[in-house]
Amino acid sequence: MNNNPVRAALFALTILYGLLIALLAVLDTPALGLVAAIGGVLLGLGWAFSGRFTRGRA
């Protein structure tokens, strides 16, 4: 992993998001699917744009 602060923040958010999904699953929350879908799309877009803007600079 490189020293890009945006990518480091995205990595931390991805870990926290995984923990949130696990917690919601353990608590059997009805909104689990909605939270998982929205968060997955947002994190995916974040990683995609991060890769797009840092391509060639690694």
N, C-alpha and C. Protein backbone atom coordinates (compact mmCIF):
# COMPACT_ATOMS: atom_id res chain seq x y z
N MET A 1 0.85 -1.18 0.00
CA MET A 1 0.00 0.00 0.00
C MET A 1 0.90 1.24 0.00
N ASN A 2 0.53 2.22 -0.81
CA ASN A 2 1.37 3.42 -0.89
C ASN A 2 1.00 4.40 0.22
N ASN A 3 1.65 5.55 0.22
CA ASN A 3 1.47 6.52 1.30
C ASN A 3 0.41 7.57 0.99
N ASN A 4 -0.46 7.33 0.05
CA ASN A 4 -1.50 8.27 -0.29
C ASN A 4 -2.51 8.35 0.86
N PRO A 5 -2.74 9.55 1.44
CA PRO A 5 -3.65 9.65 2.58
C PRO A 5 -5.11 9.32 2.23
N VAL A 6 -5.51 9.59 1.00
CA VAL A 6 -6.88 9.28 0.59
C VAL A 6 -7.08 7.77 0.58
N ARG A 7 -6.12 7.05 0.04
CA ARG A 7 -6.24 5.59 0.01
C ARG A 7 -6.16 5.00 1.41
N ALA A 8 -5.36 5.58 2.27
CA ALA A 8 -5.30 5.11 3.66
C ALA A 8 -6.63 5.33 4.37
N ALA A 9 -7.25 6.48 4.11
CA ALA A 9 -8.56 6.76 4.71
C ALA A 9 -9.62 5.80 4.15
N LEU A 10 -9.56 5.52 2.86
CA LEU A 10 -10.51 4.57 2.28
C LEU A 10 -10.32 3.17 2.86
N PHE A 11 -9.08 2.79 3.10
CA PHE A 11 -8.81 1.49 3.71
C PHE A 11 -9.42 1.43 5.11
N ALA A 12 -9.23 2.48 5.89
CA ALA A 12 -9.80 2.52 7.24
C ALA A 12 -11.33 2.50 7.19
N LEU A 13 -11.91 3.25 6.26
CA LEU A 13 -13.37 3.25 6.12
C LEU A 13 -13.90 1.88 5.70
N THR A 14 -13.15 1.18 4.87
CA THR A 14 -13.56 -0.15 4.44
C THR A 14 -13.58 -1.11 5.63
N ILE A 15 -12.58 -1.03 6.48
CA ILE A 15 -12.53 -1.87 7.68
C ILE A 15 -13.70 -1.53 8.61
N LEU A 16 -13.94 -0.26 8.84
CA LEU A 16 -15.05 0.15 9.70
C LEU A 16 -16.39 -0.26 9.12
N TYR A 17 -16.52 -0.17 7.81
CA TYR A 17 -17.76 -0.57 7.14
C TYR A 17 -18.00 -2.06 7.32
N GLY A 18 -16.96 -2.86 7.19
CA GLY A 18 -17.10 -4.29 7.41
C GLY A 18 -17.54 -4.60 8.83
N LEU A 19 -16.96 -3.90 9.79
CA LEU A 19 -17.37 -4.09 11.19
C LEU A 19 -18.81 -3.67 11.42
N LEU A 20 -19.24 -2.59 10.78
CA LEU A 20 -20.63 -2.14 10.89
C LEU A 20 -21.59 -3.18 10.33
N ILE A 21 -21.27 -3.73 9.17
CA ILE A 21 -22.13 -4.74 8.56
C ILE A 21 -22.20 -5.98 9.46
N ALA A 22 -21.07 -6.37 10.03
CA ALA A 22 -21.06 -7.52 10.93
C ALA A 22 -21.92 -7.26 12.17
N LEU A 23 -21.82 -6.06 12.72
CA LEU A 23 -22.61 -5.71 13.89
C LEU A 23 -24.10 -5.72 13.56
N LEU A 24 -24.47 -5.14 12.42
CA LEU A 24 -25.87 -5.13 12.02
C LEU A 24 -26.40 -6.55 11.77
N ALA A 25 -25.55 -7.41 11.25
CA ALA A 25 -25.96 -8.80 11.02
C ALA A 25 -26.18 -9.52 12.34
N VAL A 26 -25.29 -9.30 13.31
CA VAL A 26 -25.44 -9.95 14.62
C VAL A 26 -26.71 -9.46 15.31
N LEU A 27 -27.01 -8.17 15.16
CA LEU A 27 -28.20 -7.60 15.80
C LEU A 27 -29.48 -7.88 15.01
N ASP A 28 -29.35 -8.53 13.85
CA ASP A 28 -30.49 -8.88 13.00
C ASP A 28 -31.34 -7.65 12.66
N THR A 29 -30.68 -6.63 12.19
CA THR A 29 -31.32 -5.37 11.84
C THR A 29 -32.02 -5.49 10.48
N PRO A 30 -33.27 -5.04 10.38
CA PRO A 30 -33.97 -5.15 9.10
C PRO A 30 -33.36 -4.31 7.98
N ALA A 31 -32.64 -3.26 8.31
CA ALA A 31 -32.07 -2.37 7.30
C ALA A 31 -30.70 -2.83 6.83
N LEU A 32 -30.31 -4.06 7.15
CA LEU A 32 -28.98 -4.54 6.80
C LEU A 32 -28.73 -4.49 5.29
N GLY A 33 -29.67 -4.95 4.51
CA GLY A 33 -29.50 -4.97 3.06
C GLY A 33 -29.34 -3.57 2.48
N LEU A 34 -30.14 -2.64 2.96
CA LEU A 34 -30.07 -1.27 2.47
C LEU A 34 -28.73 -0.63 2.83
N VAL A 35 -28.29 -0.81 4.07
CA VAL A 35 -27.01 -0.25 4.50
C VAL A 35 -25.87 -0.89 3.72
N ALA A 36 -25.94 -2.20 3.51
CA ALA A 36 -24.88 -2.90 2.78
C ALA A 36 -24.81 -2.42 1.33
N ALA A 37 -25.95 -2.25 0.69
CA ALA A 37 -25.97 -1.83 -0.71
C ALA A 37 -25.45 -0.40 -0.87
N ILE A 38 -25.96 0.50 -0.07
CA ILE A 38 -25.54 1.90 -0.19
C ILE A 38 -24.06 2.06 0.16
N GLY A 39 -23.64 1.46 1.25
CA GLY A 39 -22.23 1.56 1.65
C GLY A 39 -21.30 0.91 0.64
N GLY A 40 -21.72 -0.24 0.10
CA GLY A 40 -20.89 -0.92 -0.89
C GLY A 40 -20.71 -0.09 -2.15
N VAL A 41 -21.77 0.55 -2.59
CA VAL A 41 -21.67 1.41 -3.78
C VAL A 41 -20.78 2.61 -3.51
N LEU A 42 -20.96 3.24 -2.36
CA LEU A 42 -20.16 4.42 -2.05
C LEU A 42 -18.68 4.08 -1.88
N LEU A 43 -18.40 2.99 -1.18
CA LEU A 43 -17.00 2.60 -1.03
C LEU A 43 -16.40 2.16 -2.37
N GLY A 44 -17.18 1.47 -3.17
CA GLY A 44 -16.69 1.07 -4.49
C GLY A 44 -16.36 2.27 -5.36
N LEU A 45 -17.22 3.27 -5.33
CA LEU A 45 -16.95 4.49 -6.09
C LEU A 45 -15.70 5.21 -5.55
N GLY A 46 -15.56 5.20 -4.24
CA GLY A 46 -14.38 5.82 -3.64
C GLY A 46 -13.10 5.15 -4.09
N TRP A 47 -13.08 3.81 -4.07
CA TRP A 47 -11.90 3.07 -4.52
C TRP A 47 -11.67 3.25 -6.01
N ALA A 48 -12.73 3.29 -6.78
CA ALA A 48 -12.58 3.46 -8.24
C ALA A 48 -11.98 4.82 -8.57
N PHE A 49 -12.51 5.87 -7.95
CA PHE A 49 -11.96 7.20 -8.21
C PHE A 49 -10.55 7.34 -7.67
N SER A 50 -10.28 6.72 -6.55
CA SER A 50 -8.93 6.75 -5.99
C SER A 50 -7.95 6.11 -6.93
N GLY A 51 -8.29 4.97 -7.47
CA GLY A 51 -7.42 4.29 -8.43
C GLY A 51 -7.29 5.06 -9.72
N ARG A 52 -8.35 5.70 -10.15
CA ARG A 52 -8.32 6.46 -11.39
C ARG A 52 -7.39 7.67 -11.29
N PHE A 53 -7.44 8.35 -10.15
CA PHE A 53 -6.64 9.56 -9.99
C PHE A 53 -5.19 9.29 -9.64
N THR A 54 -4.90 8.12 -9.08
CA THR A 54 -3.52 7.83 -8.72
C THR A 54 -2.84 6.92 -9.72
N ARG A 55 -3.51 6.53 -10.78
CA ARG A 55 -2.92 5.64 -11.78
C ARG A 55 -1.72 6.33 -12.43
N GLY A 56 -0.65 5.60 -12.54
CA GLY A 56 0.55 6.14 -13.16
C GLY A 56 1.47 6.87 -12.21
N ARG A 57 1.00 7.14 -11.01
CA ARG A 57 1.83 7.83 -10.02
C ARG A 57 2.38 6.89 -8.98
N ALA A 58 2.05 5.62 -9.06
CA ALA A 58 2.48 4.65 -8.03
C ALA A 58 3.93 4.26 -8.23
